[in-house]
Full PDB file with SEQRES, HELIX, SHEET, SSBOND, CRYST1, ORIGX, SCALE, CONECT and MASTER records, all heavy atoms in Angstrom:
SEQRES   1 A   32  ASP ALA GLN LEU ARG GLU ILE VAL PRO ALA PRO GLY ARG          
SEQRES   2 A   32  ARG ASN ARG HIS THR THR GLU LYS ALA ALA ARG PRO LEU          
SEQRES   3 A   32  ASP ARG ARG PRO ARG PRO                                      
HELIX    1 AA1 ALA A    2  GLU A    6  5                                   5    
HELIX    2 AA2 GLU A   20  LEU A   26  1                                   7    
CRYST1    1.000    1.000    1.000  90.00  90.00  90.00 P 1           1          
ORIGX1      1.000000  0.000000  0.000000        0.00000                         
ORIGX2      0.000000  1.000000  0.000000        0.00000                         
ORIGX3      0.000000  0.000000  1.000000        0.00000                         
SCALE1      1.000000  0.000000  0.000000        0.00000                         
SCALE2      0.000000  1.000000  0.000000        0.00000                         
SCALE3      0.000000  0.000000  1.000000        0.00000                         
ATOM      1  N   ASP A   1     -12.144-107.318 -23.975  1.00  0.00           N  
ATOM      2  CA  ASP A   1     -11.538-106.088 -24.453  1.00  0.00           C  
ATOM      3  C   ASP A   1     -11.762-105.891 -25.952  1.00  0.00           C  
ATOM      4  O   ASP A   1     -11.192-106.585 -26.800  1.00  0.00           O  
ATOM      5  CB  ASP A   1     -10.032-106.094 -24.159  1.00  0.00           C  
ATOM      6  CG  ASP A   1      -9.379-104.741 -24.331  1.00  0.00           C  
ATOM      7  OD1 ASP A   1      -9.915-103.932 -25.104  1.00  0.00           O  
ATOM      8  OD2 ASP A   1      -8.333-104.517 -23.714  1.00  0.00           O  
ATOM      9  N   ALA A   2     -12.588-104.910 -26.285  1.00  0.00           N  
ATOM     10  CA  ALA A   2     -12.936-104.636 -27.684  1.00  0.00           C  
ATOM     11  C   ALA A   2     -11.705-104.144 -28.473  1.00  0.00           C  
ATOM     12  O   ALA A   2     -11.596-104.403 -29.681  1.00  0.00           O  
ATOM     13  CB  ALA A   2     -14.020-103.599 -27.771  1.00  0.00           C  
ATOM     14  N   GLN A   3     -10.762-103.470 -27.842  1.00  0.00           N  
ATOM     15  CA  GLN A   3      -9.588-102.946 -28.519  1.00  0.00           C  
ATOM     16  C   GLN A   3      -8.713-104.102 -29.002  1.00  0.00           C  
ATOM     17  O   GLN A   3      -8.004-104.002 -30.022  1.00  0.00           O  
ATOM     18  CB  GLN A   3      -8.791-102.020 -27.639  1.00  0.00           C  
ATOM     19  CG  GLN A   3      -9.501-100.688 -27.403  1.00  0.00           C  
ATOM     20  CD  GLN A   3      -8.672 -99.794 -26.522  1.00  0.00           C  
ATOM     21  OE1 GLN A   3      -7.890-100.251 -25.696  1.00  0.00           O  
ATOM     22  NE2 GLN A   3      -8.862 -98.489 -26.710  1.00  0.00           N  
ATOM     23  N   LEU A   4      -8.731-105.218 -28.308  1.00  0.00           N  
ATOM     24  CA  LEU A   4      -7.907-106.359 -28.715  1.00  0.00           C  
ATOM     25  C   LEU A   4      -8.405-106.986 -29.987  1.00  0.00           C  
ATOM     26  O   LEU A   4      -7.643-107.643 -30.706  1.00  0.00           O  
ATOM     27  CB  LEU A   4      -7.859-107.425 -27.608  1.00  0.00           C  
ATOM     28  CG  LEU A   4      -7.006-107.046 -26.411  1.00  0.00           C  
ATOM     29  CD1 LEU A   4      -7.097-108.164 -25.351  1.00  0.00           C  
ATOM     30  CD2 LEU A   4      -5.561-106.838 -26.829  1.00  0.00           C  
ATOM     31  N   ARG A   5      -9.667-106.790 -30.331  1.00  0.00           N  
ATOM     32  CA  ARG A   5     -10.203-107.376 -31.567  1.00  0.00           C  
ATOM     33  C   ARG A   5      -9.443-106.880 -32.795  1.00  0.00           C  
ATOM     34  O   ARG A   5      -9.359-107.563 -33.788  1.00  0.00           O  
ATOM     35  CB  ARG A   5     -11.688-107.043 -31.684  1.00  0.00           C  
ATOM     36  CG  ARG A   5     -12.507-107.825 -30.702  1.00  0.00           C  
ATOM     37  CD  ARG A   5     -14.015-107.638 -30.908  1.00  0.00           C  
ATOM     38  NE  ARG A   5     -14.690-108.046 -29.705  1.00  0.00           N  
ATOM     39  CZ  ARG A   5     -15.478-107.251 -28.974  1.00  0.00           C  
ATOM     40  NH1 ARG A   5     -15.711-106.021 -29.364  1.00  0.00           N  
ATOM     41  NH2 ARG A   5     -16.006-107.705 -27.876  1.00  0.00           N  
ATOM     42  N   GLU A   6      -8.925-105.670 -32.689  1.00  0.00           N  
ATOM     43  CA  GLU A   6      -8.190-105.096 -33.825  1.00  0.00           C  
ATOM     44  C   GLU A   6      -6.872-105.789 -34.113  1.00  0.00           C  
ATOM     45  O   GLU A   6      -6.377-105.800 -35.244  1.00  0.00           O  
ATOM     46  CB  GLU A   6      -7.953-103.595 -33.619  1.00  0.00           C  
ATOM     47  CG  GLU A   6      -9.227-102.800 -33.554  1.00  0.00           C  
ATOM     48  CD  GLU A   6      -8.956-101.330 -33.202  1.00  0.00           C  
ATOM     49  OE1 GLU A   6      -7.839-100.870 -33.436  1.00  0.00           O  
ATOM     50  OE2 GLU A   6      -9.905-100.677 -32.726  1.00  0.00           O  
ATOM     51  N   ILE A   7      -6.277-106.375 -33.066  1.00  0.00           N  
ATOM     52  CA  ILE A   7      -4.957-106.979 -33.236  1.00  0.00           C  
ATOM     53  C   ILE A   7      -5.001-108.507 -33.294  1.00  0.00           C  
ATOM     54  O   ILE A   7      -3.964-109.149 -33.396  1.00  0.00           O  
ATOM     55  CB  ILE A   7      -3.963-106.537 -32.121  1.00  0.00           C  
ATOM     56  CG1 ILE A   7      -4.421-107.065 -30.765  1.00  0.00           C  
ATOM     57  CG2 ILE A   7      -3.773-105.044 -32.122  1.00  0.00           C  
ATOM     58  CD1 ILE A   7      -3.298-107.059 -29.733  1.00  0.00           C  
ATOM     59  N   VAL A   8      -6.171-109.084 -33.219  1.00  0.00           N  
ATOM     60  CA  VAL A   8      -6.288-110.541 -33.205  1.00  0.00           C  
ATOM     61  C   VAL A   8      -5.580-111.189 -34.390  1.00  0.00           C  
ATOM     62  O   VAL A   8      -4.934-112.222 -34.208  1.00  0.00           O  
ATOM     63  CB  VAL A   8      -7.757-110.999 -33.097  1.00  0.00           C  
ATOM     64  CG1 VAL A   8      -7.917-112.484 -33.435  1.00  0.00           C  
ATOM     65  CG2 VAL A   8      -8.291-110.743 -31.676  1.00  0.00           C  
ATOM     66  N   PRO A   9      -5.597-110.644 -35.589  1.00  0.00           N  
ATOM     67  CA  PRO A   9      -4.867-111.291 -36.683  1.00  0.00           C  
ATOM     68  C   PRO A   9      -3.358-111.225 -36.521  1.00  0.00           C  
ATOM     69  O   PRO A   9      -2.617-111.994 -37.129  1.00  0.00           O  
ATOM     70  CB  PRO A   9      -5.301-110.504 -37.916  1.00  0.00           C  
ATOM     71  CG  PRO A   9      -6.562-109.827 -37.556  1.00  0.00           C  
ATOM     72  CD  PRO A   9      -6.450-109.573 -36.090  1.00  0.00           C  
ATOM     73  N   ALA A  10      -2.832-110.337 -35.684  1.00  0.00           N  
ATOM     74  CA  ALA A  10      -1.405-110.075 -35.597  1.00  0.00           C  
ATOM     75  C   ALA A  10      -0.596-111.108 -34.812  1.00  0.00           C  
ATOM     76  O   ALA A  10       0.506-111.454 -35.202  1.00  0.00           O  
ATOM     77  CB  ALA A  10      -1.153-108.684 -35.035  1.00  0.00           C  
ATOM     78  N   PRO A  11      -1.075-111.655 -33.701  1.00  0.00           N  
ATOM     79  CA  PRO A  11      -0.219-112.590 -32.914  1.00  0.00           C  
ATOM     80  C   PRO A  11       0.256-113.751 -33.750  1.00  0.00           C  
ATOM     81  O   PRO A  11      -0.519-114.348 -34.513  1.00  0.00           O  
ATOM     82  CB  PRO A  11      -1.137-113.067 -31.773  1.00  0.00           C  
ATOM     83  CG  PRO A  11      -2.121-111.947 -31.601  1.00  0.00           C  
ATOM     84  CD  PRO A  11      -2.342-111.431 -32.995  1.00  0.00           C  
ATOM     85  N   GLY A  12       1.519-114.054 -33.607  1.00  0.00           N  
ATOM     86  CA  GLY A  12       2.091-115.174 -34.335  1.00  0.00           C  
ATOM     87  C   GLY A  12       2.577-114.835 -35.730  1.00  0.00           C  
ATOM     88  O   GLY A  12       3.331-115.602 -36.344  1.00  0.00           O  
ATOM     89  N   ARG A  13       2.159-113.719 -36.260  1.00  0.00           N  
ATOM     90  CA  ARG A  13       2.573-113.325 -37.609  1.00  0.00           C  
ATOM     91  C   ARG A  13       3.938-112.656 -37.565  1.00  0.00           C  
ATOM     92  O   ARG A  13       4.197-111.835 -36.709  1.00  0.00           O  
ATOM     93  CB  ARG A  13       1.574-112.348 -38.226  1.00  0.00           C  
ATOM     94  CG  ARG A  13       1.910-111.988 -39.646  1.00  0.00           C  
ATOM     95  CD  ARG A  13       1.070-110.914 -40.260  1.00  0.00           C  
ATOM     96  NE  ARG A  13      -0.324-110.982 -39.893  1.00  0.00           N  
ATOM     97  CZ  ARG A  13      -1.154-109.916 -39.918  1.00  0.00           C  
ATOM     98  NH1 ARG A  13      -0.685-108.726 -40.303  1.00  0.00           N  
ATOM     99  NH2 ARG A  13      -2.407-110.026 -39.591  1.00  0.00           N  
ATOM    100  N   ARG A  14       4.786-113.018 -38.484  1.00  0.00           N  
ATOM    101  CA  ARG A  14       6.108-112.367 -38.560  1.00  0.00           C  
ATOM    102  C   ARG A  14       6.083-111.434 -39.775  1.00  0.00           C  
ATOM    103  O   ARG A  14       5.907-111.856 -40.886  1.00  0.00           O  
ATOM    104  CB  ARG A  14       7.210-113.397 -38.741  1.00  0.00           C  
ATOM    105  CG  ARG A  14       7.417-114.188 -37.500  1.00  0.00           C  
ATOM    106  CD  ARG A  14       8.823-114.827 -37.592  1.00  0.00           C  
ATOM    107  NE  ARG A  14       9.138-115.414 -36.309  1.00  0.00           N  
ATOM    108  CZ  ARG A  14       9.955-114.856 -35.447  1.00  0.00           C  
ATOM    109  NH1 ARG A  14      10.518-113.716 -35.686  1.00  0.00           N  
ATOM    110  NH2 ARG A  14      10.217-115.457 -34.301  1.00  0.00           N  
ATOM    111  N   ASN A  15       6.284-110.145 -39.462  1.00  0.00           N  
ATOM    112  CA  ASN A  15       6.342-109.133 -40.543  1.00  0.00           C  
ATOM    113  C   ASN A  15       7.822-108.862 -40.828  1.00  0.00           C  
ATOM    114  O   ASN A  15       8.571-108.516 -39.927  1.00  0.00           O  
ATOM    115  CB  ASN A  15       5.647-107.866 -40.125  1.00  0.00           C  
ATOM    116  CG  ASN A  15       4.186-108.095 -39.903  1.00  0.00           C  
ATOM    117  OD1 ASN A  15       3.537-108.798 -40.695  1.00  0.00           O  
ATOM    118  ND2 ASN A  15       3.627-107.516 -38.836  1.00  0.00           N  
ATOM    119  N   ARG A  16       8.209-108.993 -42.067  1.00  0.00           N  
ATOM    120  CA  ARG A  16       9.574-108.709 -42.455  1.00  0.00           C  
ATOM    121  C   ARG A  16       9.499-107.587 -43.490  1.00  0.00           C  
ATOM    122  O   ARG A  16       9.007-107.811 -44.596  1.00  0.00           O  
ATOM    123  CB  ARG A  16      10.225-109.975 -43.004  1.00  0.00           C  
ATOM    124  CG  ARG A  16      10.278-111.004 -41.904  1.00  0.00           C  
ATOM    125  CD  ARG A  16      11.298-112.021 -42.164  1.00  0.00           C  
ATOM    126  NE  ARG A  16      11.281-112.896 -40.990  1.00  0.00           N  
ATOM    127  CZ  ARG A  16      11.583-114.147 -41.018  1.00  0.00           C  
ATOM    128  NH1 ARG A  16      11.967-114.693 -42.139  1.00  0.00           N  
ATOM    129  NH2 ARG A  16      11.546-114.861 -39.930  1.00  0.00           N  
ATOM    130  N   HIS A  17      10.027-106.479 -43.131  1.00  0.00           N  
ATOM    131  CA  HIS A  17      10.014-105.319 -44.022  1.00  0.00           C  
ATOM    132  C   HIS A  17      11.438-105.012 -44.477  1.00  0.00           C  
ATOM    133  O   HIS A  17      12.407-105.242 -43.742  1.00  0.00           O  
ATOM    134  CB  HIS A  17       9.437-104.103 -43.309  1.00  0.00           C  
ATOM    135  CG  HIS A  17       8.045-104.351 -42.792  1.00  0.00           C  
ATOM    136  ND1 HIS A  17       6.965-104.385 -43.562  1.00  0.00           N  
ATOM    137  CD2 HIS A  17       7.620-104.616 -41.531  1.00  0.00           C  
ATOM    138  CE1 HIS A  17       5.889-104.640 -42.859  1.00  0.00           C  
ATOM    139  NE2 HIS A  17       6.270-104.792 -41.601  1.00  0.00           N  
ATOM    140  N   THR A  18      11.548-104.509 -45.650  1.00  0.00           N  
ATOM    141  CA  THR A  18      12.854-104.170 -46.160  1.00  0.00           C  
ATOM    142  C   THR A  18      12.803-102.812 -46.879  1.00  0.00           C  
ATOM    143  O   THR A  18      11.707-102.399 -47.315  1.00  0.00           O  
ATOM    144  CB  THR A  18      13.351-105.260 -47.145  1.00  0.00           C  
ATOM    145  OG1 THR A  18      14.600-104.864 -47.661  1.00  0.00           O  
ATOM    146  CG2 THR A  18      12.363-105.494 -48.289  1.00  0.00           C  
ATOM    147  N   THR A  19      13.944-102.167 -46.991  1.00  0.00           N  
ATOM    148  CA  THR A  19      14.009-100.894 -47.681  1.00  0.00           C  
ATOM    149  C   THR A  19      14.533-101.034 -49.098  1.00  0.00           C  
ATOM    150  O   THR A  19      14.714-100.064 -49.802  1.00  0.00           O  
ATOM    151  CB  THR A  19      14.955 -99.915 -46.916  1.00  0.00           C  
ATOM    152  OG1 THR A  19      16.214-100.514 -46.801  1.00  0.00           O  
ATOM    153  CG2 THR A  19      14.395 -99.614 -45.537  1.00  0.00           C  
ATOM    154  N   GLU A  20      14.751-102.257 -49.535  1.00  0.00           N  
ATOM    155  CA  GLU A  20      15.354-102.510 -50.862  1.00  0.00           C  
ATOM    156  C   GLU A  20      14.537-101.890 -52.005  1.00  0.00           C  
ATOM    157  O   GLU A  20      15.092-101.342 -52.930  1.00  0.00           O  
ATOM    158  CB  GLU A  20      15.542-104.023 -51.096  1.00  0.00           C  
ATOM    159  CG  GLU A  20      16.693-104.600 -50.325  1.00  0.00           C  
ATOM    160  CD  GLU A  20      18.011-103.896 -50.614  1.00  0.00           C  
ATOM    161  OE1 GLU A  20      18.342-103.702 -51.821  1.00  0.00           O  
ATOM    162  OE2 GLU A  20      18.709-103.522 -49.670  1.00  0.00           O  
ATOM    163  N   LYS A  21      13.215-101.995 -51.917  1.00  0.00           N  
ATOM    164  CA  LYS A  21      12.381-101.499 -53.028  1.00  0.00           C  
ATOM    165  C   LYS A  21      12.572 -99.988 -53.200  1.00  0.00           C  
ATOM    166  O   LYS A  21      12.600 -99.498 -54.334  1.00  0.00           O  
ATOM    167  CB  LYS A  21      10.929-101.813 -52.714  1.00  0.00           C  
ATOM    168  CG  LYS A  21      10.065-101.991 -53.919  1.00  0.00           C  
ATOM    169  CD  LYS A  21       8.680-102.401 -53.464  1.00  0.00           C  
ATOM    170  CE  LYS A  21       8.017-103.239 -54.510  1.00  0.00           C  
ATOM    171  NZ  LYS A  21       6.689-103.622 -54.153  1.00  0.00           N  
ATOM    172  N   ALA A  22      12.732 -99.266 -52.114  1.00  0.00           N  
ATOM    173  CA  ALA A  22      12.945 -97.816 -52.205  1.00  0.00           C  
ATOM    174  C   ALA A  22      14.400 -97.493 -52.478  1.00  0.00           C  
ATOM    175  O   ALA A  22      14.705 -96.507 -53.159  1.00  0.00           O  
ATOM    176  CB  ALA A  22      12.487 -97.152 -50.929  1.00  0.00           C  
ATOM    177  N   ALA A  23      15.302 -98.301 -51.969  1.00  0.00           N  
ATOM    178  CA  ALA A  23      16.751 -97.979 -52.059  1.00  0.00           C  
ATOM    179  C   ALA A  23      17.242 -98.108 -53.494  1.00  0.00           C  
ATOM    180  O   ALA A  23      18.069 -97.298 -53.962  1.00  0.00           O  
ATOM    181  CB  ALA A  23      17.533 -98.897 -51.163  1.00  0.00           C  
ATOM    182  N   ARG A  24      16.766 -99.091 -54.241  1.00  0.00           N  
ATOM    183  CA  ARG A  24      17.267 -99.339 -55.598  1.00  0.00           C  
ATOM    184  C   ARG A  24      17.064 -98.138 -56.519  1.00  0.00           C  
ATOM    185  O   ARG A  24      17.994 -97.591 -57.088  1.00  0.00           O  
ATOM    186  CB  ARG A  24      16.671-100.571 -56.187  1.00  0.00           C  
ATOM    187  CG  ARG A  24      17.524-101.789 -55.872  1.00  0.00           C  
ATOM    188  CD  ARG A  24      16.959-103.059 -56.495  1.00  0.00           C  
ATOM    189  NE  ARG A  24      16.096-103.690 -55.544  1.00  0.00           N  
ATOM    190  CZ  ARG A  24      14.845-104.072 -55.824  1.00  0.00           C  
ATOM    191  NH1 ARG A  24      14.345-103.906 -56.972  1.00  0.00           N  
ATOM    192  NH2 ARG A  24      14.112-104.603 -54.865  1.00  0.00           N  
ATOM    193  N   PRO A  25      15.799 -97.679 -56.734  1.00  0.00           N  
ATOM    194  CA  PRO A  25      15.627 -96.578 -57.690  1.00  0.00           C  
ATOM    195  C   PRO A  25      16.233 -95.253 -57.216  1.00  0.00           C  
ATOM    196  O   PRO A  25      16.590 -94.410 -58.005  1.00  0.00           O  
ATOM    197  CB  PRO A  25      14.117 -96.462 -57.841  1.00  0.00           C  
ATOM    198  CG  PRO A  25      13.537 -97.172 -56.703  1.00  0.00           C  
ATOM    199  CD  PRO A  25      14.536 -98.192 -56.242  1.00  0.00           C  
ATOM    200  N   LEU A  26      16.318 -95.082 -55.904  1.00  0.00           N  
ATOM    201  CA  LEU A  26      16.849 -93.839 -55.375  1.00  0.00           C  
ATOM    202  C   LEU A  26      18.369 -93.879 -55.212  1.00  0.00           C  
ATOM    203  O   LEU A  26      18.986 -92.871 -54.929  1.00  0.00           O  
ATOM    204  CB  LEU A  26      16.211 -93.550 -53.981  1.00  0.00           C  
ATOM    205  CG  LEU A  26      14.711 -93.350 -54.015  1.00  0.00           C  
ATOM    206  CD1 LEU A  26      14.165 -93.231 -52.574  1.00  0.00           C  
ATOM    207  CD2 LEU A  26      14.315 -92.107 -54.817  1.00  0.00           C  
ATOM    208  N   ASP A  27      18.955 -95.073 -55.353  1.00  0.00           N  
ATOM    209  CA  ASP A  27      20.350 -95.293 -55.179  1.00  0.00           C  
ATOM    210  C   ASP A  27      20.835 -94.732 -53.848  1.00  0.00           C  
ATOM    211  O   ASP A  27      21.835 -94.017 -53.739  1.00  0.00           O  
ATOM    212  CB  ASP A  27      21.146 -94.669 -56.340  1.00  0.00           C  
ATOM    213  CG  ASP A  27      22.577 -95.157 -56.350  1.00  0.00           C  
ATOM    214  OD1 ASP A  27      22.850 -96.305 -55.961  1.00  0.00           O  
ATOM    215  OD2 ASP A  27      23.447 -94.384 -56.789  1.00  0.00           O  
ATOM    216  N   ARG A  28      20.064 -95.015 -52.797  1.00  0.00           N  
ATOM    217  CA  ARG A  28      20.379 -94.553 -51.453  1.00  0.00           C  
ATOM    218  C   ARG A  28      20.233 -95.714 -50.474  1.00  0.00           C  
ATOM    219  O   ARG A  28      19.441 -96.589 -50.682  1.00  0.00           O  
ATOM    220  CB  ARG A  28      19.402 -93.436 -51.004  1.00  0.00           C  
ATOM    221  CG  ARG A  28      19.266 -92.281 -51.943  1.00  0.00           C  
ATOM    222  CD  ARG A  28      20.098 -91.137 -51.654  1.00  0.00           C  
ATOM    223  NE  ARG A  28      20.127 -90.750 -50.288  1.00  0.00           N  
ATOM    224  CZ  ARG A  28      20.744 -89.686 -49.842  1.00  0.00           C  
ATOM    225  NH1 ARG A  28      21.354 -88.935 -50.697  1.00  0.00           N  
ATOM    226  NH2 ARG A  28      20.750 -89.365 -48.589  1.00  0.00           N  
ATOM    227  N   ARG A  29      20.999 -95.656 -49.436  1.00  0.00           N  
ATOM    228  CA  ARG A  29      20.899 -96.646 -48.370  1.00  0.00           C  
ATOM    229  C   ARG A  29      20.471 -95.938 -47.086  1.00  0.00           C  
ATOM    230  O   ARG A  29      20.958 -94.843 -46.786  1.00  0.00           O  
ATOM    231  CB  ARG A  29      22.248 -97.305 -48.104  1.00  0.00           C  
ATOM    232  CG  ARG A  29      22.728 -98.137 -49.252  1.00  0.00           C  
ATOM    233  CD  ARG A  29      21.944 -99.460 -49.316  1.00  0.00           C  
ATOM    234  NE  ARG A  29      22.180-100.126 -50.579  1.00  0.00           N  
ATOM    235  CZ  ARG A  29      21.220-100.481 -51.426  1.00  0.00           C  
ATOM    236  NH1 ARG A  29      19.976-100.243 -51.136  1.00  0.00           N  
ATOM    237  NH2 ARG A  29      21.505-101.071 -52.538  1.00  0.00           N  
ATOM    238  N   PRO A  30      19.514 -96.512 -46.349  1.00  0.00           N  
ATOM    239  CA  PRO A  30      19.077 -95.863 -45.132  1.00  0.00           C  
ATOM    240  C   PRO A  30      20.171 -95.888 -44.061  1.00  0.00           C  
ATOM    241  O   PRO A  30      21.056 -96.761 -44.080  1.00  0.00           O  
ATOM    242  CB  PRO A  30      17.878 -96.703 -44.703  1.00  0.00           C  
ATOM    243  CG  PRO A  30      18.082 -98.019 -45.316  1.00  0.00           C  
ATOM    244  CD  PRO A  30      18.814 -97.770 -46.596  1.00  0.00           C  
ATOM    245  N   ARG A  31      20.097 -94.937 -43.181  1.00  0.00           N  
ATOM    246  CA  ARG A  31      21.045 -94.915 -42.055  1.00  0.00           C  
ATOM    247  C   ARG A  31      20.644 -95.974 -41.038  1.00  0.00           C  
ATOM    248  O   ARG A  31      19.474 -96.327 -40.959  1.00  0.00           O  
ATOM    249  CB  ARG A  31      21.019 -93.525 -41.390  1.00  0.00           C  
ATOM    250  CG  ARG A  31      21.451 -92.447 -42.286  1.00  0.00           C  
ATOM    251  CD  ARG A  31      21.469 -91.081 -41.682  1.00  0.00           C  
ATOM    252  NE  ARG A  31      20.499 -90.909 -40.631  1.00  0.00           N  
ATOM    253  CZ  ARG A  31      20.612 -89.976 -39.679  1.00  0.00           C  
ATOM    254  NH1 ARG A  31      21.631 -89.170 -39.670  1.00  0.00           N  
ATOM    255  NH2 ARG A  31      19.711 -89.835 -38.749  1.00  0.00           N  
ATOM    256  N   PRO A  32      21.571 -96.437 -40.229  1.00  0.00           N  
ATOM    257  CA  PRO A  32      21.204 -97.420 -39.205  1.00  0.00           C  
ATOM    258  C   PRO A  32      20.154 -96.843 -38.244  1.00  0.00           C  
ATOM    259  O   PRO A  32      20.192 -95.657 -37.896  1.00  0.00           O  
ATOM    260  CB  PRO A  32      22.516 -97.669 -38.475  1.00  0.00           C  
ATOM    261  CG  PRO A  32      23.570 -97.276 -39.455  1.00  0.00           C  
ATOM    262  CD  PRO A  32      22.991 -96.163 -40.268  1.00  0.00           C  
TER     263      PRO A  32                                                      
MASTER        0    0    0    2    0    0    0    6  262    1    0    3          
END                                                                             
């Protein structure tokens, strides 16, 4: 499957994203 080649780096990787960088200067908190 050629389409799977695009995601090969992804398995096993844990991505942790946060909104802190945007929340601080805007003084806003995202909704749940």
